[in-house]
Amino acid sequence: MTTAKIIWIVGALAAIVLAFIDTGYNAAIIAVLGLAGGFFVDKDHRTGLMVAAIFLAAGSAAWGAIPAVGEYLNAIWASYGGLLAAASLMAIGRTTYERLKP
């Protein structure tokens, strides 16, 4: 198993767990894991990552209509959307660096 897969698995699990637990640092934990995961995204997958982050951020609240579990699903998908958004920022930064380096 590669380092990238381990980081993405830890990030996904953190998004699920932190939806139920408030540490006070949830956003920071998700952001750091997202940035770390975004560092390992291949060039071919960067655009897909950014599109997924946009659509997940826009549609994560749609789960709220489900009785009893909708609130938790909203929290999980919003947290995972934050993870993808942070990964997208790292992917954008890496792409910019690769284009500007001599």
PDB file of N, CA and C in Angstrom:
ATOM      1  N   MET A   1       0.851  -1.172   0.000  1.00  0.00           N
ATOM      2  CA  MET A   1       0.000   0.000   0.000  1.00  0.00           C
ATOM      3  C   MET A   1       0.898   1.236   0.000  1.00  0.00           C
ATOM      4  N   THR A   2       0.568   2.179  -0.840  1.00  0.00           N
ATOM      5  CA  THR A   2       1.393   3.374  -0.970  1.00  0.00           C
ATOM      6  C   THR A   2       1.057   4.399   0.113  1.00  0.00           C
ATOM      7  N   THR A   3       1.955   5.350   0.255  1.00  0.00           N
ATOM      8  CA  THR A   3       1.743   6.432   1.218  1.00  0.00           C
ATOM      9  C   THR A   3       0.490   7.224   0.871  1.00  0.00           C
ATOM     10  N   ALA A   4       0.278   7.457  -0.422  1.00  0.00           N
ATOM     11  CA  ALA A   4      -0.891   8.221  -0.856  1.00  0.00           C
ATOM     12  C   ALA A   4      -2.187   7.525  -0.448  1.00  0.00           C
ATOM     13  N   LYS A   5      -2.260   6.217  -0.645  1.00  0.00           N
ATOM     14  CA  LYS A   5      -3.475   5.484  -0.273  1.00  0.00           C
ATOM     15  C   LYS A   5      -3.710   5.528   1.230  1.00  0.00           C
ATOM     16  N   ILE A   6      -2.648   5.409   1.992  1.00  0.00           N
ATOM     17  CA  ILE A   6      -2.783   5.459   3.450  1.00  0.00           C
ATOM     18  C   ILE A   6      -3.311   6.821   3.889  1.00  0.00           C
ATOM     19  N   ILE A   7      -2.773   7.888   3.300  1.00  0.00           N
ATOM     20  CA  ILE A   7      -3.228   9.237   3.655  1.00  0.00           C
ATOM     21  C   ILE A   7      -4.693   9.426   3.284  1.00  0.00           C
ATOM     22  N   TRP A   8      -5.106   8.953   2.104  1.00  0.00           N
ATOM     23  CA  TRP A   8      -6.500   9.101   1.685  1.00  0.00           C
ATOM     24  C   TRP A   8      -7.433   8.265   2.561  1.00  0.00           C
ATOM     25  N   ILE A   9      -7.003   7.076   2.965  1.00  0.00           N
ATOM     26  CA  ILE A   9      -7.826   6.246   3.850  1.00  0.00           C
ATOM     27  C   ILE A   9      -7.977   6.913   5.214  1.00  0.00           C
ATOM     28  N   VAL A  10      -6.872   7.410   5.759  1.00  0.00           N
ATOM     29  CA  VAL A  10      -6.925   8.110   7.050  1.00  0.00           C
ATOM     30  C   VAL A  10      -7.808   9.352   6.936  1.00  0.00           C
ATOM     31  N   GLY A  11      -7.698  10.075   5.821  1.00  0.00           N
ATOM     32  CA  GLY A  11      -8.522  11.261   5.617  1.00  0.00           C
ATOM     33  C   GLY A  11     -10.003  10.936   5.546  1.00  0.00           C
ATOM     34  N   ALA A  12     -10.346   9.883   4.814  1.00  0.00           N
ATOM     35  CA  ALA A  12     -11.753   9.486   4.710  1.00  0.00           C
ATOM     36  C   ALA A  12     -12.294   9.032   6.063  1.00  0.00           C
ATOM     37  N   LEU A  13     -11.507   8.259   6.791  1.00  0.00           N
ATOM     38  CA  LEU A  13     -11.937   7.828   8.128  1.00  0.00           C
ATOM     39  C   LEU A  13     -12.065   9.009   9.085  1.00  0.00           C
ATOM     40  N   ALA A  14     -11.145   9.963   8.979  1.00  0.00           N
ATOM     41  CA  ALA A  14     -11.221  11.158   9.823  1.00  0.00           C
ATOM     42  C   ALA A  14     -12.472  11.961   9.503  1.00  0.00           C
ATOM     43  N   ALA A  15     -12.821  12.054   8.220  1.00  0.00           N
ATOM     44  CA  ALA A  15     -14.029  12.782   7.833  1.00  0.00           C
ATOM     45  C   ALA A  15     -15.265  12.142   8.453  1.00  0.00           C
ATOM     46  N   ILE A  16     -15.283  10.826   8.509  1.00  0.00           N
ATOM     47  CA  ILE A  16     -16.427  10.126   9.105  1.00  0.00           C
ATOM     48  C   ILE A  16     -16.442  10.301  10.623  1.00  0.00           C
ATOM     49  N   VAL A  17     -15.317  10.056  11.259  1.00  0.00           N
ATOM     50  CA  VAL A  17     -15.252  10.115  12.723  1.00  0.00           C
ATOM     51  C   VAL A  17     -15.477  11.534  13.230  1.00  0.00           C
ATOM     52  N   LEU A  18     -14.857  12.511  12.565  1.00  0.00           N
ATOM     53  CA  LEU A  18     -14.972  13.894  13.036  1.00  0.00           C
ATOM     54  C   LEU A  18     -16.356  14.483  12.796  1.00  0.00           C
ATOM     55  N   ALA A  19     -17.189  13.792  12.024  1.00  0.00           N
ATOM     56  CA  ALA A  19     -18.571  14.232  11.870  1.00  0.00           C
ATOM     57  C   ALA A  19     -19.357  14.004  13.159  1.00  0.00           C
ATOM     58  N   PHE A  20     -18.887  13.087  13.992  1.00  0.00           N
ATOM     59  CA  PHE A  20     -19.582  12.750  15.232  1.00  0.00           C
ATOM     60  C   PHE A  20     -18.899  13.299  16.480  1.00  0.00           C
ATOM     61  N   ILE A  21     -17.634  13.695  16.353  1.00  0.00           N
ATOM     62  CA  ILE A  21     -16.849  14.152  17.498  1.00  0.00           C
ATOM     63  C   ILE A  21     -16.389  15.584  17.236  1.00  0.00           C
ATOM     64  N   ASP A  22     -16.528  16.450  18.228  1.00  0.00           N
ATOM     65  CA  ASP A  22     -16.041  17.819  18.085  1.00  0.00           C
ATOM     66  C   ASP A  22     -14.792  17.992  18.943  1.00  0.00           C
ATOM     67  N   THR A  23     -13.645  18.065  18.289  1.00  0.00           N
ATOM     68  CA  THR A  23     -12.381  18.232  19.009  1.00  0.00           C
ATOM     69  C   THR A  23     -11.993  19.697  19.140  1.00  0.00           C
ATOM     70  N   GLY A  24     -12.644  20.544  18.385  1.00  0.00           N
ATOM     71  CA  GLY A  24     -12.240  21.940  18.337  1.00  0.00           C
ATOM     72  C   GLY A  24     -11.225  22.195  17.230  1.00  0.00           C
ATOM     73  N   TYR A  25     -10.639  21.116  16.735  1.00  0.00           N
ATOM     74  CA  TYR A  25      -9.638  21.210  15.670  1.00  0.00           C
ATOM     75  C   TYR A  25     -10.050  20.405  14.439  1.00  0.00           C
ATOM     76  N   ASN A  26     -11.320  20.127  14.316  1.00  0.00           N
ATOM     77  CA  ASN A  26     -11.782  19.298  13.203  1.00  0.00           C
ATOM     78  C   ASN A  26     -11.384  19.869  11.847  1.00  0.00           C
ATOM     79  N   ALA A  27     -11.610  21.152  11.650  1.00  0.00           N
ATOM     80  CA  ALA A  27     -11.290  21.765  10.358  1.00  0.00           C
ATOM     81  C   ALA A  27      -9.797  21.712  10.075  1.00  0.00           C
ATOM     82  N   ALA A  28      -8.989  21.934  11.084  1.00  0.00           N
ATOM     83  CA  ALA A  28      -7.536  21.889  10.898  1.00  0.00           C
ATOM     84  C   ALA A  28      -7.065  20.476  10.560  1.00  0.00           C
ATOM     85  N   ILE A  29      -7.629  19.483  11.226  1.00  0.00           N
ATOM     86  CA  ILE A  29      -7.252  18.095  10.954  1.00  0.00           C
ATOM     87  C   ILE A  29      -7.612  17.717   9.524  1.00  0.00           C
ATOM     88  N   ILE A  30      -8.829  18.058   9.114  1.00  0.00           N
ATOM     89  CA  ILE A  30      -9.274  17.752   7.752  1.00  0.00           C
ATOM     90  C   ILE A  30      -8.421  18.501   6.735  1.00  0.00           C
ATOM     91  N   ALA A  31      -8.102  19.765   7.015  1.00  0.00           N
ATOM     92  CA  ALA A  31      -7.291  20.552   6.082  1.00  0.00           C
ATOM     93  C   ALA A  31      -5.892  19.968   5.919  1.00  0.00           C
ATOM     94  N   VAL A  32      -5.262  19.588   7.013  1.00  0.00           N
ATOM     95  CA  VAL A  32      -3.907  19.021   6.937  1.00  0.00           C
ATOM     96  C   VAL A  32      -3.916  17.694   6.185  1.00  0.00           C
ATOM     97  N   LEU A  33      -4.891  16.840   6.477  1.00  0.00           N
ATOM     98  CA  LEU A  33      -4.982  15.567   5.761  1.00  0.00           C
ATOM     99  C   LEU A  33      -5.292  15.780   4.281  1.00  0.00           C
ATOM    100  N   GLY A  34      -6.135  16.763   3.974  1.00  0.00           N
ATOM    101  CA  GLY A  34      -6.439  17.068   2.579  1.00  0.00           C
ATOM    102  C   GLY A  34      -5.231  17.600   1.830  1.00  0.00           C
ATOM    103  N   LEU A  35      -4.486  18.494   2.464  1.00  0.00           N
ATOM    104  CA  LEU A  35      -3.276  19.018   1.823  1.00  0.00           C
ATOM    105  C   LEU A  35      -2.252  17.913   1.595  1.00  0.00           C
ATOM    106  N   ALA A  36      -2.113  17.026   2.569  1.00  0.00           N
ATOM    107  CA  ALA A  36      -1.173  15.909   2.415  1.00  0.00           C
ATOM    108  C   ALA A  36      -1.626  14.976   1.300  1.00  0.00           C
ATOM    109  N   GLY A  37      -2.908  14.685   1.249  1.00  0.00           N
ATOM    110  CA  GLY A  37      -3.426  13.830   0.184  1.00  0.00           C
ATOM    111  C   GLY A  37      -3.315  14.479  -1.179  1.00  0.00           C
ATOM    112  N   GLY A  38      -3.542  15.776  -1.242  1.00  0.00           N
ATOM    113  CA  GLY A  38      -3.452  16.499  -2.507  1.00  0.00           C
ATOM    114  C   GLY A  38      -2.051  16.539  -3.076  1.00  0.00           C
ATOM    115  N   PHE A  39      -1.055  16.429  -2.215  1.00  0.00           N
ATOM    116  CA  PHE A  39       0.330  16.424  -2.681  1.00  0.00           C
ATOM    117  C   PHE A  39       0.617  15.202  -3.543  1.00  0.00           C
ATOM    118  N   PHE A  40      -0.066  14.110  -3.281  1.00  0.00           N
ATOM    119  CA  PHE A  40       0.193  12.858  -3.979  1.00  0.00           C
ATOM    120  C   PHE A  40      -0.728  12.608  -5.172  1.00  0.00           C
ATOM    121  N   VAL A  41      -1.592  13.558  -5.515  1.00  0.00           N
ATOM    122  CA  VAL A  41      -2.508  13.363  -6.635  1.00  0.00           C
ATOM    123  C   VAL A  41      -1.738  13.460  -7.948  1.00  0.00           C
ATOM    124  N   ASP A  42      -1.945  12.477  -8.821  1.00  0.00           N
ATOM    125  CA  ASP A  42      -1.289  12.473 -10.128  1.00  0.00           C
ATOM    126  C   ASP A  42      -1.831  13.596 -11.002  1.00  0.00           C
ATOM    127  N   LYS A  43      -1.029  13.993 -11.984  1.00  0.00           N
ATOM    128  CA  LYS A  43      -1.451  15.056 -12.904  1.00  0.00           C
ATOM    129  C   LYS A  43      -2.761  14.706 -13.601  1.00  0.00           C
ATOM    130  N   ASP A  44      -2.924  13.451 -13.947  1.00  0.00           N
ATOM    131  CA  ASP A  44      -4.117  13.031 -14.683  1.00  0.00           C
ATOM    132  C   ASP A  44      -5.393  13.112 -13.851  1.00  0.00           C
ATOM    133  N   HIS A  45      -5.268  13.107 -12.545  1.00  0.00           N
ATOM    134  CA  HIS A  45      -6.441  13.083 -11.675  1.00  0.00           C
ATOM    135  C   HIS A  45      -6.750  14.430 -11.022  1.00  0.00           C
ATOM    136  N   ARG A  46      -5.954  15.427 -11.275  1.00  0.00           N
ATOM    137  CA  ARG A  46      -6.143  16.718 -10.593  1.00  0.00           C
ATOM    138  C   ARG A  46      -7.438  17.402 -10.991  1.00  0.00           C
ATOM    139  N   THR A  47      -7.770  17.379 -12.265  1.00  0.00           N
ATOM    140  CA  THR A  47      -9.007  18.026 -12.707  1.00  0.00           C
ATOM    141  C   THR A  47     -10.221  17.327 -12.106  1.00  0.00           C
ATOM    142  N   GLY A  48     -10.209  16.008 -12.106  1.00  0.00           N
ATOM    143  CA  GLY A  48     -11.312  15.251 -11.506  1.00  0.00           C
ATOM    144  C   GLY A  48     -11.467  15.537 -10.025  1.00  0.00           C
ATOM    145  N   LEU A  49     -10.346  15.701  -9.345  1.00  0.00           N
ATOM    146  CA  LEU A  49     -10.376  16.033  -7.921  1.00  0.00           C
ATOM    147  C   LEU A  49     -11.051  17.380  -7.703  1.00  0.00           C
ATOM    148  N   MET A  50     -10.695  18.356  -8.512  1.00  0.00           N
ATOM    149  CA  MET A  50     -11.281  19.692  -8.360  1.00  0.00           C
ATOM    150  C   MET A  50     -12.774  19.689  -8.669  1.00  0.00           C
ATOM    151  N   VAL A  51     -13.172  18.969  -9.700  1.00  0.00           N
ATOM    152  CA  VAL A  51     -14.593  18.874 -10.041  1.00  0.00           C
ATOM    153  C   VAL A  51     -15.359  18.175  -8.916  1.00  0.00           C
ATOM    154  N   ALA A  52     -14.790  17.103  -8.385  1.00  0.00           N
ATOM    155  CA  ALA A  52     -15.440  16.388  -7.278  1.00  0.00           C
ATOM    156  C   ALA A  52     -15.581  17.286  -6.054  1.00  0.00           C
ATOM    157  N   ALA A  53     -14.557  18.079  -5.761  1.00  0.00           N
ATOM    158  CA  ALA A  53     -14.618  18.980  -4.608  1.00  0.00           C
ATOM    159  C   ALA A  53     -15.721  20.018  -4.783  1.00  0.00           C
ATOM    160  N   ILE A  54     -15.851  20.555  -5.982  1.00  0.00           N
ATOM    161  CA  ILE A  54     -16.882  21.568  -6.246  1.00  0.00           C
ATOM    162  C   ILE A  54     -18.278  20.967  -6.100  1.00  0.00           C
ATOM    163  N   PHE A  55     -18.500  19.817  -6.735  1.00  0.00           N
ATOM    164  CA  PHE A  55     -19.824  19.209  -6.676  1.00  0.00           C
ATOM    165  C   PHE A  55     -20.166  18.700  -5.279  1.00  0.00           C
ATOM    166  N   LEU A  56     -19.192  18.206  -4.559  1.00  0.00           N
ATOM    167  CA  LEU A  56     -19.457  17.733  -3.204  1.00  0.00           C
ATOM    168  C   LEU A  56     -19.763  18.900  -2.274  1.00  0.00           C
ATOM    169  N   ALA A  57     -19.066  20.007  -2.452  1.00  0.00           N
ATOM    170  CA  ALA A  57     -19.354  21.192  -1.638  1.00  0.00           C
ATOM    171  C   ALA A  57     -20.756  21.718  -1.935  1.00  0.00           C
ATOM    172  N   ALA A  58     -21.153  21.655  -3.192  1.00  0.00           N
ATOM    173  CA  ALA A  58     -22.467  22.161  -3.574  1.00  0.00           C
ATOM    174  C   ALA A  58     -23.597  21.223  -3.159  1.00  0.00           C
ATOM    175  N   GLY A  59     -23.348  19.930  -3.165  1.00  0.00           N
ATOM    176  CA  GLY A  59     -24.431  18.988  -2.936  1.00  0.00           C
ATOM    177  C   GLY A  59     -24.416  18.253  -1.621  1.00  0.00           C
ATOM    178  N   SER A  60     -23.491  18.577  -0.744  1.00  0.00           N
ATOM    179  CA  SER A  60     -23.394  17.811   0.504  1.00  0.00           C
ATOM    180  C   SER A  60     -24.599  18.009   1.415  1.00  0.00           C
ATOM    181  N   ALA A  61     -25.290  19.116   1.293  1.00  0.00           N
ATOM    182  CA  ALA A  61     -26.439  19.387   2.162  1.00  0.00           C
ATOM    183  C   ALA A  61     -27.712  18.684   1.696  1.00  0.00           C
ATOM    184  N   ALA A  62     -27.665  18.029   0.556  1.00  0.00           N
ATOM    185  CA  ALA A  62     -28.856  17.370   0.023  1.00  0.00           C
ATOM    186  C   ALA A  62     -29.288  16.167   0.855  1.00  0.00           C
ATOM    187  N   TRP A  63     -28.393  15.655   1.676  1.00  0.00           N
ATOM    188  CA  TRP A  63     -28.709  14.476   2.479  1.00  0.00           C
ATOM    189  C   TRP A  63     -29.606  14.814   3.667  1.00  0.00           C
ATOM    190  N   GLY A  64     -29.787  16.080   3.959  1.00  0.00           N
ATOM    191  CA  GLY A  64     -30.552  16.492   5.131  1.00  0.00           C
ATOM    192  C   GLY A  64     -32.010  16.086   5.108  1.00  0.00           C
ATOM    193  N   ALA A  65     -32.546  15.778   3.947  1.00  0.00           N
ATOM    194  CA  ALA A  65     -33.957  15.419   3.845  1.00  0.00           C
ATOM    195  C   ALA A  65     -34.251  14.007   4.342  1.00  0.00           C
ATOM    196  N   ILE A  66     -33.224  13.212   4.539  1.00  0.00           N
ATOM    197  CA  ILE A  66     -33.432  11.840   5.006  1.00  0.00           C
ATOM    198  C   ILE A  66     -33.699  11.876   6.515  1.00  0.00           C
ATOM    199  N   PRO A  67     -34.827  11.337   6.946  1.00  0.00           N
ATOM    200  CA  PRO A  67     -35.147  11.374   8.376  1.00  0.00           C
ATOM    201  C   PRO A  67     -34.133  10.598   9.217  1.00  0.00           C
ATOM    202  N   ALA A  68     -33.846  11.103  10.367  1.00  0.00           N
ATOM    203  CA  ALA A  68     -33.012  10.491  11.406  1.00  0.00           C
ATOM    204  C   ALA A  68     -31.524  10.494  11.093  1.00  0.00           C
ATOM    205  N   VAL A  69     -31.114  10.175   9.893  1.00  0.00           N
ATOM    206  CA  VAL A  69     -29.677  10.082   9.598  1.00  0.00           C
ATOM    207  C   VAL A  69     -29.179  11.212   8.705  1.00  0.00           C
ATOM    208  N   GLY A  70     -30.076  12.031   8.201  1.00  0.00           N
ATOM    209  CA  GLY A  70     -29.690  13.091   7.277  1.00  0.00           C
ATOM    210  C   GLY A  70     -28.690  14.073   7.852  1.00  0.00           C
ATOM    211  N   GLU A  71     -28.873  14.416   9.104  1.00  0.00           N
ATOM    212  CA  GLU A  71     -27.957  15.353   9.765  1.00  0.00           C
ATOM    213  C   GLU A  71     -26.533  14.790   9.804  1.00  0.00           C
ATOM    214  N   TYR A  72     -26.423  13.511  10.102  1.00  0.00           N
ATOM    215  CA  TYR A  72     -25.101  12.879  10.175  1.00  0.00           C
ATOM    216  C   TYR A  72     -24.475  12.727   8.793  1.00  0.00           C
ATOM    217  N   LEU A  73     -25.297  12.378   7.814  1.00  0.00           N
ATOM    218  CA  LEU A  73     -24.781  12.269   6.444  1.00  0.00           C
ATOM    219  C   LEU A  73     -24.308  13.626   5.932  1.00  0.00           C
ATOM    220  N   ASN A  74     -25.056  14.681   6.260  1.00  0.00           N
ATOM    221  CA  ASN A  74     -24.614  16.035   5.899  1.00  0.00           C
ATOM    222  C   ASN A  74     -23.240  16.330   6.483  1.00  0.00           C
ATOM    223  N   ALA A  75     -23.065  16.010   7.749  1.00  0.00           N
ATOM    224  CA  ALA A  75     -21.794  16.288   8.421  1.00  0.00           C
ATOM    225  C   ALA A  75     -20.654  15.483   7.807  1.00  0.00           C
ATOM    226  N   ILE A  76     -20.904  14.221   7.497  1.00  0.00           N
ATOM    227  CA  ILE A  76     -19.860  13.374   6.900  1.00  0.00           C
ATOM    228  C   ILE A  76     -19.459  13.899   5.533  1.00  0.00           C
ATOM    229  N   TRP A  77     -20.442  14.166   4.678  1.00  0.00           N
ATOM    230  CA  TRP A  77     -20.122  14.612   3.314  1.00  0.00           C
ATOM    231  C   TRP A  77     -19.543  16.020   3.296  1.00  0.00           C
ATOM    232  N   ALA A  78     -19.979  16.875   4.208  1.00  0.00           N
ATOM    233  CA  ALA A  78     -19.382  18.214   4.291  1.00  0.00           C
ATOM    234  C   ALA A  78     -17.928  18.119   4.728  1.00  0.00           C
ATOM    235  N   SER A  79     -17.647  17.232   5.662  1.00  0.00           N
ATOM    236  CA  SER A  79     -16.277  17.033   6.121  1.00  0.00           C
ATOM    237  C   SER A  79     -15.407  16.466   5.002  1.00  0.00           C
ATOM    238  N   TYR A  80     -15.938  15.501   4.273  1.00  0.00           N
ATOM    239  CA  TYR A  80     -15.186  14.927   3.151  1.00  0.00           C
ATOM    240  C   TYR A  80     -15.016  15.962   2.036  1.00  0.00           C
ATOM    241  N   GLY A  81     -16.011  16.824   1.859  1.00  0.00           N
ATOM    242  CA  GLY A  81     -15.880  17.912   0.891  1.00  0.00           C
ATOM    243  C   GLY A  81     -14.766  18.869   1.266  1.00  0.00           C
ATOM    244  N   GLY A  82     -14.614  19.134   2.559  1.00  0.00           N
ATOM    245  CA  GLY A  82     -13.496  19.955   3.027  1.00  0.00           C
ATOM    246  C   GLY A  82     -12.163  19.299   2.759  1.00  0.00           C
ATOM    247  N   LEU A  83     -12.110  17.980   2.924  1.00  0.00           N
ATOM    248  CA  LEU A  83     -10.895  17.221   2.623  1.00  0.00           C
ATOM    249  C   LEU A  83     -10.535  17.358   1.146  1.00  0.00           C
ATOM    250  N   LEU A  84     -11.523  17.199   0.271  1.00  0.00           N
ATOM    251  CA  LEU A  84     -11.273  17.326  -1.167  1.00  0.00           C
ATOM    252  C   LEU A  84     -10.921  18.759  -1.554  1.00  0.00           C
ATOM    253  N   ALA A  85     -11.520  19.738  -0.887  1.00  0.00           N
ATOM    254  CA  ALA A  85     -11.198  21.135  -1.182  1.00  0.00           C
ATOM    255  C   ALA A  85      -9.749  21.448  -0.831  1.00  0.00           C
ATOM    256  N   ALA A  86      -9.293  20.964   0.315  1.00  0.00           N
ATOM    257  CA  ALA A  86      -7.892  21.177   0.700  1.00  0.00           C
ATOM    258  C   ALA A  86      -6.954  20.456  -0.256  1.00  0.00           C
ATOM    259  N   ALA A  87      -7.327  19.243  -0.661  1.00  0.00           N
ATOM    260  CA  ALA A  87      -6.511  18.504  -1.624  1.00  0.00           C
ATOM    261  C   ALA A  87      -6.462  19.239  -2.959  1.00  0.00           C
ATOM    262  N   SER A  88      -7.572  19.853  -3.344  1.00  0.00           N
ATOM    263  CA  SER A  88      -7.606  20.625  -4.590  1.00  0.00           C
ATOM    264  C   SER A  88      -6.676  21.827  -4.522  1.00  0.00           C
ATOM    265  N   LEU A  89      -6.635  22.482  -3.371  1.00  0.00           N
ATOM    266  CA  LEU A  89      -5.723  23.619  -3.221  1.00  0.00           C
ATOM    267  C   LEU A  89      -4.270  23.187  -3.390  1.00  0.00           C
ATOM    268  N   MET A  90      -3.925  22.045  -2.822  1.00  0.00           N
ATOM    269  CA  MET A  90      -2.563  21.539  -2.987  1.00  0.00           C
ATOM    270  C   MET A  90      -2.299  21.171  -4.444  1.00  0.00           C
ATOM    271  N   ALA A  91      -3.268  20.556  -5.099  1.00  0.00           N
ATOM    272  CA  ALA A  91      -3.108  20.187  -6.505  1.00  0.00           C
ATOM    273  C   ALA A  91      -2.937  21.430  -7.378  1.00  0.00           C
ATOM    274  N   ILE A  92      -3.689  22.474  -7.085  1.00  0.00           N
ATOM    275  CA  ILE A  92      -3.553  23.728  -7.830  1.00  0.00           C
ATOM    276  C   ILE A  92      -2.176  24.329  -7.590  1.00  0.00           C
ATOM    277  N   GLY A  93      -1.735  24.319  -6.344  1.00  0.00           N
ATOM    278  CA  GLY A  93      -0.401  24.831  -6.026  1.00  0.00           C
ATOM    279  C   GLY A  93       0.696  24.061  -6.729  1.00  0.00           C
ATOM    280  N   ARG A  94       0.586  22.743  -6.741  1.00  0.00           N
ATOM    281  CA  ARG A  94       1.602  21.923  -7.425  1.00  0.00           C
ATOM    282  C   ARG A  94       1.590  22.169  -8.928  1.00  0.00           C
ATOM    283  N   THR A  95       0.410  22.290  -9.516  1.00  0.00           N
ATOM    284  CA  THR A  95       0.318  22.557 -10.948  1.00  0.00           C
ATOM    285  C   THR A  95       0.941  23.903 -11.281  1.00  0.00           C
ATOM    286  N   THR A  96       0.658  24.904 -10.471  1.00  0.00           N
ATOM    287  CA  THR A  96       1.241  26.232 -10.688  1.00  0.00           C
ATOM    288  C   THR A  96       2.754  26.178 -10.571  1.00  0.00           C
ATOM    289  N   TYR A  97       3.254  25.491  -9.560  1.00  0.00           N
ATOM    290  CA  TYR A  97       4.702  25.359  -9.383  1.00  0.00           C
ATOM    291  C   TYR A  97       5.338  24.648 -10.579  1.00  0.00           C
ATOM    292  N   GLU A  98       4.719  23.577 -11.028  1.00  0.00           N
ATOM    293  CA  GLU A  98       5.269  22.826 -12.159  1.00  0.00           C
ATOM    294  C   GLU A  98       5.290  23.650 -13.434  1.00  0.00           C
ATOM    295  N   ARG A  99       4.331  24.538 -13.600  1.00  0.00           N
ATOM    296  CA  ARG A  99       4.301  25.385 -14.799  1.00  0.00           C
ATOM    297  C   ARG A  99       5.302  26.524 -14.721  1.00  0.00           C
ATOM    298  N   LEU A 100       5.610  27.000 -13.517  1.00  0.00           N
ATOM    299  CA  LEU A 100       6.490  28.156 -13.372  1.00  0.00           C
ATOM    300  C   LEU A 100       7.949  27.803 -13.157  1.00  0.00           C
ATOM    301  N   LYS A 101       8.237  26.592 -12.746  1.00  0.00           N
ATOM    302  CA  LYS A 101       9.636  26.243 -12.472  1.00  0.00           C
ATOM    303  C   LYS A 101      10.435  26.215 -13.778  1.00  0.00           C
ATOM    304  N   PRO A 102      11.698  26.595 -13.698  1.00  0.00           N
ATOM    305  CA  PRO A 102      12.505  26.650 -14.933  1.00  0.00           C
ATOM    306  C   PRO A 102      12.832  25.284 -15.493  1.00  0.00           C
TER     307      PRO A 102
END
